[in-house]
Amino acid sequence: MAAEIPIARTAQPYRYERRELVEPDWTRFPGWRNVTPEEWSSAQWQRAHCVKSLKQLHEVLGSMAPPEFYDDVAQDQQRFATMSMLLPPQMLNTFLPHEASWPTSKILTDPVRRYMLPMASDRHPVWPSHPMASRDSLHEHDMWVAEGLTHRYPTKVLAELVPTCPQYCGHCTRMDLVGTSTPTVTKLRLAGKPADRYDAMLAYLRSNPGVRDVVVSGGDVANVPWKQLESFLTRLLEIDSIKDVRLATKALMGLPQHWLQKDVLEGVERVARQARRQGVSLAVHTHVNTVNSVTPLVAQAARALLEAGVRDVRNQGVLMRGVNDSPEALLDLSFALLDEAMITPYYFYMCDMIPASEHWRVSLSQAQELQHAIMGYLPGFATPRIVCDVPLVGKRWVHQAHTYDQVHGISTWTKNYRTSIEAADEEAITREHPYYDPIDTLPESGQQWWAAQIDSGRAS
């Protein structure tokens, strides 16, 4: 008699189940009822039919959503929005993906809607912004060594090639520069011509061989015409000191059709071949925040990039309240990325301290609890690290806080290097830098303390 195979029956806090990916039916939307699969798979059609206004949103949704929804979105656009509305059809199709109508209760809780199409009622009525929030909270512009080139870490730089994206996210850390102006935010503008800016970036890298790692971003590299992007990457790979190149694109999730275009994949293959010849690791970093966004088209695009020769496709999500702030949400997303799309879960950033972001941010203590809760389920190489990007410090694992006052929601952090603006600062490595929890998550005494700080003018 064959030995009986043991079955694990121990109850676990999280249960892993592999789920088949499904592309939501876009024809459920009145405005897209007659859109064909061929049109939907076209990057050109997707870009041409992005939703950029309340009028266009209404044309797509019609009576699927109640009138108060449109009023709520309009209020947010006028009073709070730091980014203008820009939603590719692919992304909008993942809002309430299995609903033929949008009742208010489900609109309020849908994770993709919560971070991609804010409503005024989402914002905290007392604390829509933290008093210590700032437009460029990470001081990236202060660390420009050429226009758009941020030298923040000793061996790494960020190259912002373009100030636009195929979609605009309200929680964007670069809300100061990226996108068009809104009623509440007048955006900065890159002054130089693209060719001149790229030349200056490459000149800096050639003269600074201590930099080995370049994140090519923006905005989103999917908005850089491919020939222009390939030219920049080809010249970048010719610099002997460069050993890591990462292409940052949320479009892999929001507009996967772009990365499935024949000419783009052929170009990626050429760049990947050159990178391999020169011993350079070429990777793609994307930005997926919820399992609802992982569809068959997203998986197809990620696998196509891997087949074209990139070393890895990695996900850098943002930890946000009401979107992915539970162990189940983070693990469901991570397993879908890993198992179905071959995307490696890499980071979840705590939402940065930009204006109008308090309703998205979580406390440091909750982030620490979430990091603990997701350990042990995923392979070690694919267990995402939850990090706090501390102003003037950089990325730190959430358990690396030097001190943490949970009543007032103030943590302090130190670092082990100087940024490009601290060369002469003898105390840069020993100084403690503050970070702040959302005020509405604090105990009543902490909230009262902050109110008193504001009344006295000490919090600014």
Protein backbone atom coordinates (compact mmCIF):
# COMPACT_ATOMS: atom_id res chain seq x y z
CA MET A 1 0.00 0.00 0.00
CA ALA A 2 1.42 3.37 -1.00
CA ALA A 3 2.38 5.69 1.79
CA GLU A 4 -0.15 8.42 2.43
CA ILE A 5 1.06 11.85 1.32
CA PRO A 6 0.80 14.33 4.20
CA ILE A 7 -1.29 17.44 3.60
CA ALA A 8 -0.45 20.65 5.42
CA ARG A 9 -3.55 21.55 7.41
CA THR A 10 -2.16 24.14 9.80
CA ALA A 11 -4.15 27.35 9.69
CA GLN A 12 -1.99 30.29 8.61
CA PRO A 13 -2.61 34.04 8.89
CA TYR A 14 -2.39 34.19 5.09
CA ARG A 15 -3.48 31.48 2.66
CA TYR A 16 -1.74 31.30 -0.70
CA GLU A 17 -3.96 30.55 -3.68
CA ARG A 18 -2.89 30.92 -7.27
CA ARG A 19 -5.44 32.99 -9.17
CA GLU A 20 -5.80 33.14 -12.94
CA LEU A 21 -5.39 36.62 -14.39
CA VAL A 22 -8.37 38.10 -16.19
CA GLU A 23 -8.54 41.15 -18.45
CA PRO A 24 -11.65 43.08 -17.37
CA ASP A 25 -14.31 43.57 -20.06
CA TRP A 26 -13.92 47.14 -21.28
CA THR A 27 -17.21 46.96 -23.20
CA ARG A 28 -19.07 47.22 -19.90
CA PHE A 29 -18.36 50.97 -20.13
CA PRO A 30 -20.96 52.82 -22.24
CA GLY A 31 -18.28 54.87 -23.97
CA TRP A 32 -16.27 51.80 -24.99
CA ARG A 33 -19.11 49.46 -25.90
CA ASN A 34 -17.96 49.16 -29.52
CA VAL A 35 -14.19 49.11 -28.97
CA THR A 36 -12.66 46.07 -30.67
CA PRO A 37 -9.85 43.89 -29.27
CA GLU A 38 -7.60 45.20 -32.05
CA GLU A 39 -8.24 48.79 -31.00
CA TRP A 40 -7.74 47.96 -27.32
CA SER A 41 -4.36 46.34 -28.03
CA SER A 42 -3.15 49.44 -29.90
CA ALA A 43 -0.87 51.78 -27.95
CA GLN A 44 -1.90 54.59 -30.29
CA TRP A 45 -5.61 54.01 -29.55
CA GLN A 46 -4.92 53.87 -25.81
CA ARG A 47 -3.05 57.18 -25.85
CA ALA A 48 -5.65 58.86 -28.06
CA HIS A 49 -8.48 57.84 -25.72
CA CYS A 50 -6.94 58.74 -22.36
CA VAL A 51 -9.44 60.37 -20.01
CA LYS A 52 -8.19 63.90 -19.35
CA SER A 53 -11.26 65.70 -18.04
CA LEU A 54 -14.48 65.26 -16.12
CA LYS A 55 -16.37 65.58 -19.41
CA GLN A 56 -14.42 62.69 -20.95
CA LEU A 57 -14.85 60.64 -17.77
CA HIS A 58 -18.60 61.11 -18.02
CA GLU A 59 -18.54 60.15 -21.71
CA VAL A 60 -16.92 56.83 -20.81
CA LEU A 61 -18.87 55.99 -17.66
CA GLY A 62 -22.20 57.64 -18.31
CA SER A 63 -24.81 56.62 -15.76
CA MET A 64 -22.65 53.74 -14.43
CA ALA A 65 -21.56 56.15 -11.69
CA PRO A 66 -23.95 58.35 -9.68
CA PRO A 67 -24.00 62.15 -10.12
CA GLU A 68 -22.44 62.72 -6.68
CA PHE A 69 -19.33 60.83 -7.84
CA TYR A 70 -18.68 63.34 -10.63
CA ASP A 71 -19.34 66.23 -8.26
CA ASP A 72 -16.88 64.77 -5.75
CA VAL A 73 -14.15 64.35 -8.38
CA ALA A 74 -14.76 67.90 -9.64
CA GLN A 75 -14.38 69.28 -6.11
CA ASP A 76 -11.08 67.45 -5.72
CA GLN A 77 -9.76 68.72 -9.04
CA GLN A 78 -10.45 72.30 -7.97
CA ARG A 79 -9.42 72.20 -4.31
CA PHE A 80 -6.74 69.56 -3.77
CA ALA A 81 -5.36 67.84 -6.88
CA THR A 82 -1.61 68.10 -7.33
CA MET A 83 -1.77 66.23 -10.65
CA SER A 84 -4.10 66.78 -13.57
CA MET A 85 -6.41 63.98 -14.66
CA LEU A 86 -4.84 61.54 -17.11
CA LEU A 87 -6.09 57.94 -17.18
CA PRO A 88 -5.30 55.49 -20.00
CA PRO A 89 -8.22 53.19 -20.85
CA GLN A 90 -6.16 50.19 -19.70
CA MET A 91 -5.90 51.66 -16.21
CA LEU A 92 -9.47 52.92 -15.97
CA ASN A 93 -10.63 49.45 -16.97
CA THR A 94 -9.20 48.07 -13.72
CA PHE A 95 -11.45 50.32 -11.60
CA LEU A 96 -14.21 48.11 -10.10
CA PRO A 97 -13.21 45.49 -12.68
CA HIS A 98 -16.22 43.20 -12.31
CA GLU A 99 -18.97 45.78 -11.80
CA ALA A 100 -21.57 46.76 -14.37
CA SER A 101 -22.50 49.78 -12.25
CA TRP A 102 -20.58 51.81 -9.69
CA PRO A 103 -22.46 52.18 -6.41
CA THR A 104 -21.01 54.86 -4.15
CA SER A 105 -20.00 52.35 -1.47
CA LYS A 106 -17.81 50.44 -3.91
CA ILE A 107 -16.41 53.57 -5.55
CA LEU A 108 -15.17 54.74 -2.16
CA THR A 109 -13.25 51.53 -1.47
CA ASP A 110 -11.94 50.52 -4.89
CA PRO A 111 -8.14 50.47 -4.54
CA VAL A 112 -7.22 51.63 -8.05
CA ARG A 113 -9.77 54.43 -7.97
CA ARG A 114 -8.56 55.55 -4.54
CA TYR A 115 -5.07 56.34 -5.76
CA MET A 116 -5.63 57.16 -9.44
CA LEU A 117 -8.78 59.27 -9.30
CA PRO A 118 -9.01 61.04 -5.93
CA MET A 119 -12.30 62.47 -4.68
CA ALA A 120 -12.59 65.40 -2.30
CA SER A 121 -14.31 63.12 0.21
CA ASP A 122 -11.17 60.96 0.31
CA ARG A 123 -9.13 63.80 1.79
CA HIS A 124 -8.97 64.18 5.54
CA PRO A 125 -11.28 67.04 6.57
CA VAL A 126 -8.83 68.48 9.13
CA TRP A 127 -5.44 67.31 7.89
CA PRO A 128 -5.46 67.12 4.06
CA SER A 129 -1.74 67.99 4.15
CA HIS A 130 0.86 67.57 6.85
CA PRO A 131 2.22 70.96 8.02
CA MET A 132 5.73 69.71 7.26
CA ALA A 133 4.88 68.57 3.72
CA SER A 134 6.70 70.16 0.78
CA ARG A 135 6.41 70.09 -2.99
CA ASP A 136 9.86 68.55 -3.54
CA SER A 137 9.94 66.62 -0.30
CA LEU A 138 13.05 64.60 -1.24
CA HIS A 139 15.04 67.69 -2.34
CA GLU A 140 15.77 66.10 -5.70
CA HIS A 141 15.96 69.47 -7.48
CA ASP A 142 18.47 70.72 -4.91
CA MET A 143 20.70 67.80 -5.86
CA TRP A 144 20.66 68.36 -9.61
CA VAL A 145 24.19 68.24 -10.99
CA ALA A 146 22.80 68.89 -14.47
CA GLU A 147 19.23 69.79 -15.32
CA GLY A 148 17.17 66.70 -14.51
CA LEU A 149 20.12 64.67 -13.16
CA THR A 150 19.88 64.08 -9.40
CA HIS A 151 23.05 62.84 -7.66
CA ARG A 152 21.67 61.81 -4.28
CA TYR A 153 23.50 58.59 -3.43
CA PRO A 154 27.28 58.09 -3.70
CA THR A 155 27.21 55.60 -6.61
CA LYS A 156 23.75 56.22 -8.10
CA VAL A 157 22.00 58.96 -10.05
CA LEU A 158 18.48 59.61 -11.27
CA ALA A 159 18.09 60.87 -14.84
CA GLU A 160 14.74 62.59 -15.46
CA LEU A 161 14.49 62.52 -19.24
CA VAL A 162 10.96 63.81 -19.58
CA PRO A 163 8.45 65.60 -17.29
CA THR A 164 5.38 63.69 -18.50
CA CYS A 165 3.79 60.25 -18.06
CA PRO A 166 1.08 58.25 -19.84
CA GLN A 167 -0.88 58.59 -16.57
CA TYR A 168 -0.72 60.93 -13.59
CA CYS A 169 -0.76 59.74 -9.98
CA GLY A 170 -1.72 62.11 -7.17
CA HIS A 171 0.84 60.59 -4.83
CA CYS A 172 3.73 61.26 -7.25
CA THR A 173 6.87 62.33 -5.40
CA ARG A 174 7.77 64.54 -8.40
CA MET A 175 4.46 66.40 -8.42
CA ASP A 176 6.47 69.63 -8.43
CA LEU A 177 7.76 69.00 -11.95
CA VAL A 178 5.75 66.23 -13.60
CA GLY A 179 2.56 66.90 -15.52
CA THR A 180 0.55 70.01 -16.27
CA SER A 181 -0.39 72.64 -13.71
CA THR A 182 -3.55 72.29 -11.63
CA PRO A 183 -5.65 74.96 -9.88
CA THR A 184 -3.56 74.40 -6.73
CA VAL A 185 -0.08 73.71 -8.16
CA THR A 186 1.83 75.66 -10.79
CA LYS A 187 4.43 73.24 -12.09
CA LEU A 188 8.09 73.87 -12.69
CA ARG A 189 9.42 73.41 -16.20
CA LEU A 190 12.61 71.96 -17.62
CA ALA A 191 14.35 74.83 -19.38
CA GLY A 192 16.81 73.10 -21.67
CA LYS A 193 16.16 71.29 -24.92
CA PRO A 194 16.10 67.48 -24.50
CA ALA A 195 19.24 66.95 -26.60
CA ASP A 196 21.19 69.53 -24.60
CA ARG A 197 20.00 68.13 -21.27
CA TYR A 198 20.93 64.58 -22.27
CA ASP A 199 24.38 65.71 -23.41
CA ALA A 200 24.96 67.44 -20.07
CA MET A 201 23.89 64.36 -18.13
CA LEU A 202 26.20 62.08 -20.09
CA ALA A 203 29.08 64.54 -19.76
CA TYR A 204 28.66 64.53 -15.98
CA LEU A 205 28.66 60.72 -15.88
CA ARG A 206 31.78 60.49 -18.03
CA SER A 207 33.62 62.84 -15.68
CA ASN A 208 32.42 61.05 -12.51
CA PRO A 209 33.46 57.38 -12.72
CA GLY A 210 32.35 56.83 -9.12
CA VAL A 211 28.77 56.64 -10.42
CA ARG A 212 27.95 53.12 -11.59
CA ASP A 213 24.14 53.01 -11.42
CA VAL A 214 21.66 55.11 -13.44
CA VAL A 215 17.90 55.14 -12.99
CA VAL A 216 16.45 56.44 -16.26
CA SER A 217 13.10 57.94 -15.43
CA GLY A 218 11.07 61.13 -15.60
CA GLY A 219 8.10 61.23 -15.70
CA ASP A 220 7.99 57.91 -17.50
CA VAL A 221 10.43 56.65 -20.13
CA ALA A 222 7.42 55.37 -22.12
CA ASN A 223 6.80 59.01 -23.02
CA VAL A 224 10.24 59.40 -24.57
CA PRO A 225 10.12 58.62 -28.32
CA TRP A 226 11.86 55.26 -28.68
CA LYS A 227 14.59 56.45 -31.09
CA GLN A 228 15.45 59.25 -28.68
CA LEU A 229 15.50 56.90 -25.69
CA GLU A 230 17.57 54.30 -27.48
CA SER A 231 20.11 56.94 -28.53
CA PHE A 232 20.49 58.07 -24.92
CA LEU A 233 20.81 54.48 -23.63
CA THR A 234 23.33 53.55 -26.32
CA ARG A 235 25.57 56.46 -25.34
CA LEU A 236 25.05 55.72 -21.65
CA LEU A 237 26.16 52.11 -22.09
CA GLU A 238 29.37 53.29 -23.76
CA ILE A 239 30.52 54.80 -20.44
CA ASP A 240 32.79 52.17 -18.89
CA SER A 241 31.94 53.01 -15.29
CA ILE A 242 28.18 52.37 -15.71
CA LYS A 243 27.24 48.85 -14.57
CA ASP A 244 23.52 49.13 -13.76
CA VAL A 245 20.81 50.80 -15.83
CA ARG A 246 17.19 50.78 -14.71
CA LEU A 247 14.32 51.99 -16.88
CA ALA A 248 11.45 53.34 -14.76
CA THR A 249 8.00 52.98 -16.29
CA LYS A 250 4.59 52.74 -14.71
CA ALA A 251 3.31 52.34 -18.27
CA LEU A 252 4.16 48.65 -18.05
CA MET A 253 1.03 48.45 -15.90
CA GLY A 254 -0.95 51.50 -17.08
CA LEU A 255 -0.20 51.21 -20.80
CA PRO A 256 1.33 47.75 -21.43
CA GLN A 257 0.40 48.15 -25.10
CA HIS A 258 3.34 50.55 -25.43
CA TRP A 259 5.85 47.91 -24.38
CA LEU A 260 4.28 45.32 -26.68
CA GLN A 261 4.89 47.36 -29.83
CA LYS A 262 7.15 45.57 -32.32
CA ASP A 263 9.53 48.49 -32.84
CA VAL A 264 9.88 49.08 -29.09
CA LEU A 265 10.63 45.41 -28.33
CA GLU A 266 13.14 45.26 -31.17
CA GLY A 267 14.81 48.36 -29.74
CA VAL A 268 14.85 46.88 -26.23
CA GLU A 269 16.50 43.78 -27.66
CA ARG A 270 19.24 45.87 -29.29
CA VAL A 271 19.91 47.78 -26.07
CA ALA A 272 19.85 44.59 -23.98
CA ARG A 273 22.32 42.94 -26.34
CA GLN A 274 24.69 45.89 -26.03
CA ALA A 275 24.31 45.86 -22.23
CA ARG A 276 25.19 42.15 -22.04
CA ARG A 277 28.24 42.63 -24.23
CA GLN A 278 29.49 45.35 -21.91
CA GLY A 279 28.65 43.57 -18.66
CA VAL A 280 25.85 45.96 -17.71
CA SER A 281 22.69 44.88 -15.91
CA LEU A 282 19.66 46.31 -17.74
CA ALA A 283 16.42 46.12 -15.76
CA VAL A 284 12.92 47.59 -15.95
CA HIS A 285 11.29 48.99 -12.81
CA THR A 286 7.55 49.41 -12.79
CA HIS A 287 4.98 50.65 -10.28
CA VAL A 288 2.01 48.42 -9.43
CA ASN A 289 0.07 49.07 -6.23
CA THR A 290 -2.77 46.55 -6.23
CA VAL A 291 -3.47 43.06 -7.52
CA ASN A 292 -6.40 44.42 -9.55
CA SER A 293 -3.88 46.08 -11.86
CA VAL A 294 -2.14 42.80 -12.77
CA THR A 295 -3.90 41.66 -15.94
CA PRO A 296 -2.93 39.30 -18.77
CA LEU A 297 -1.74 42.24 -20.89
CA VAL A 298 0.55 43.41 -18.08
CA ALA A 299 1.96 39.90 -17.73
CA GLN A 300 2.42 39.63 -21.50
CA ALA A 301 4.33 42.92 -21.62
CA ALA A 302 6.60 41.97 -18.69
CA ARG A 303 7.43 38.59 -20.22
CA ALA A 304 8.06 40.20 -23.60
CA LEU A 305 10.64 42.52 -22.03
CA LEU A 306 12.35 39.56 -20.37
CA GLU A 307 12.38 37.67 -23.65
CA ALA A 308 13.89 40.76 -25.30
CA GLY A 309 16.83 40.42 -22.93
CA VAL A 310 16.36 42.67 -19.91
CA ARG A 311 17.85 41.04 -16.84
CA ASP A 312 14.86 41.61 -14.57
CA VAL A 313 11.52 43.38 -14.27
CA ARG A 314 10.98 44.65 -10.72
CA ASN A 315 8.10 46.35 -8.96
CA GLN A 316 8.38 49.44 -6.78
CA GLY A 317 4.96 50.06 -5.28
CA VAL A 318 3.84 52.73 -2.86
CA LEU A 319 2.27 51.78 0.46
CA MET A 320 -1.06 53.61 0.69
CA ARG A 321 -4.02 53.65 3.02
CA GLY A 322 -7.10 52.01 1.58
CA VAL A 323 -5.12 50.65 -1.36
CA ASN A 324 -2.66 48.03 -0.15
CA ASP A 325 -2.24 48.61 3.61
CA SER A 326 -2.93 45.04 4.73
CA PRO A 327 -0.77 41.89 4.67
CA GLU A 328 -3.32 40.22 2.39
CA ALA A 329 -3.24 43.04 -0.15
CA LEU A 330 0.57 43.14 -0.26
CA LEU A 331 0.92 39.37 -0.51
CA ASP A 332 -1.84 38.95 -3.10
CA LEU A 333 -0.13 41.58 -5.25
CA SER A 334 3.35 40.15 -4.75
CA PHE A 335 2.31 36.61 -5.67
CA ALA A 336 0.39 37.78 -8.75
CA LEU A 337 3.43 39.73 -9.94
CA LEU A 338 5.83 36.88 -9.29
CA ASP A 339 3.77 33.89 -10.40
CA GLU A 340 1.81 35.30 -13.31
CA ALA A 341 3.96 38.10 -14.71
CA MET A 342 7.53 37.17 -13.67
CA ILE A 343 7.85 40.62 -12.07
CA THR A 344 9.99 40.64 -8.92
CA PRO A 345 8.41 42.42 -5.91
CA TYR A 346 11.17 44.80 -4.84
CA TYR A 347 10.10 47.81 -2.75
CA PHE A 348 7.05 49.37 -1.22
CA TYR A 349 7.78 52.99 -0.43
CA MET A 350 5.92 54.80 2.28
CA CYS A 351 4.02 57.59 0.52
CA ASP A 352 6.15 60.72 0.46
CA MET A 353 5.29 63.88 2.39
CA ILE A 354 3.96 65.95 -0.47
CA PRO A 355 0.92 68.24 -0.16
CA ALA A 356 -2.57 66.69 -0.14
CA SER A 357 -1.27 63.19 0.60
CA GLU A 358 -2.26 62.63 4.23
CA HIS A 359 -5.18 60.35 3.39
CA TRP A 360 -2.79 58.04 1.54
CA ARG A 361 0.04 57.91 4.07
CA VAL A 362 0.38 55.29 6.82
CA SER A 363 2.25 55.59 10.10
CA LEU A 364 5.74 54.21 10.51
CA SER A 365 4.46 51.76 13.14
CA GLN A 366 1.90 50.33 10.71
CA ALA A 367 4.57 49.99 8.03
CA GLN A 368 6.75 48.10 10.51
CA GLU A 369 3.86 45.78 11.35
CA LEU A 370 3.21 45.12 7.66
CA GLN A 371 6.86 44.28 7.00
CA HIS A 372 6.73 41.75 9.82
CA ALA A 373 3.44 40.28 8.56
CA ILE A 374 4.60 39.54 5.00
CA MET A 375 7.88 37.86 5.95
CA GLY A 376 8.19 34.12 5.37
CA TYR A 377 5.61 33.67 2.62
CA LEU A 378 7.51 34.77 -0.48
CA PRO A 379 10.98 33.65 -1.58
CA GLY A 380 13.61 35.81 0.07
CA PHE A 381 14.70 37.37 -3.22
CA ALA A 382 11.08 38.37 -3.91
CA THR A 383 10.04 39.56 -0.46
CA PRO A 384 9.50 43.30 -0.91
CA ARG A 385 11.20 45.65 1.52
CA ILE A 386 9.06 48.40 2.93
CA VAL A 387 11.14 51.57 2.98
CA CYS A 388 10.82 55.13 4.19
CA ASP A 389 12.38 57.66 1.84
CA VAL A 390 13.48 60.19 4.44
CA PRO A 391 14.12 63.77 3.24
CA LEU A 392 17.89 64.44 3.00
CA VAL A 393 18.59 60.84 4.03
CA GLY A 394 17.24 58.50 1.36
CA LYS A 395 15.74 55.04 1.45
CA ARG A 396 15.78 53.32 4.83
CA TRP A 397 14.11 50.07 5.86
CA VAL A 398 11.24 50.95 8.17
CA HIS A 399 12.94 49.30 11.16
CA GLN A 400 16.03 51.51 10.81
CA ALA A 401 14.58 54.56 12.58
CA HIS A 402 17.04 55.97 15.12
CA THR A 403 14.28 57.19 17.45
CA TYR A 404 10.48 57.06 17.25
CA ASP A 405 8.01 59.10 19.28
CA GLN A 406 4.67 57.47 18.45
CA VAL A 407 2.61 60.01 20.42
CA HIS A 408 3.75 62.94 18.27
CA GLY A 409 4.47 60.77 15.24
CA ILE A 410 8.06 61.93 14.85
CA SER A 411 10.85 59.52 13.95
CA THR A 412 14.50 60.44 13.42
CA TRP A 413 16.93 58.87 10.97
CA THR A 414 20.65 58.95 10.23
CA LYS A 415 22.67 58.01 7.17
CA ASN A 416 26.08 56.75 6.22
CA TYR A 417 26.97 58.95 3.24
CA ARG A 418 26.84 62.53 1.99
CA THR A 419 24.60 63.70 -0.81
CA SER A 420 25.92 65.95 -3.56
CA ILE A 421 24.93 69.08 -1.58
CA GLU A 422 26.74 68.04 1.62
CA ALA A 423 30.36 67.76 0.56
CA ALA A 424 31.47 70.35 3.11
CA ASP A 425 29.02 69.38 5.86
CA GLU A 426 31.01 67.74 8.65
CA GLU A 427 27.86 66.69 10.51
CA ALA A 428 25.98 65.21 7.54
CA ILE A 429 26.53 61.63 8.68
CA THR A 430 25.78 62.18 12.36
CA ARG A 431 22.84 64.58 12.05
CA GLU A 432 19.37 63.21 12.84
CA HIS A 433 16.68 63.94 10.24
CA PRO A 434 12.97 63.90 11.13
CA TYR A 435 10.08 62.11 9.46
CA TYR A 436 6.43 62.55 10.40
CA ASP A 437 3.46 60.19 10.73
CA PRO A 438 0.06 61.30 9.41
CA ILE A 439 -1.46 63.40 12.18
CA ASP A 440 -4.88 61.74 12.08
CA THR A 441 -3.25 58.39 13.00
CA LEU A 442 -1.85 59.80 16.25
CA PRO A 443 -3.47 59.54 19.67
CA GLU A 444 -5.66 62.51 20.65
CA SER A 445 -2.88 64.08 22.70
CA GLY A 446 -0.57 63.99 19.64
CA GLN A 447 -3.19 65.58 17.41
CA GLN A 448 -3.78 68.34 19.96
CA TRP A 449 -0.02 68.95 20.18
CA TRP A 450 0.21 69.44 16.40
CA ALA A 451 -2.80 71.76 16.43
CA ALA A 452 -1.05 73.85 19.08
CA GLN A 453 2.16 73.89 17.01
CA ILE A 454 0.27 75.25 14.03
CA ASP A 455 -1.61 77.84 16.11
CA SER A 456 1.67 79.11 17.52
CA GLY A 457 3.39 79.17 14.13
CA ARG A 458 6.01 76.60 15.17
CA ALA A 459 4.98 74.01 12.56
CA SER A 460 5.87 75.24 9.09
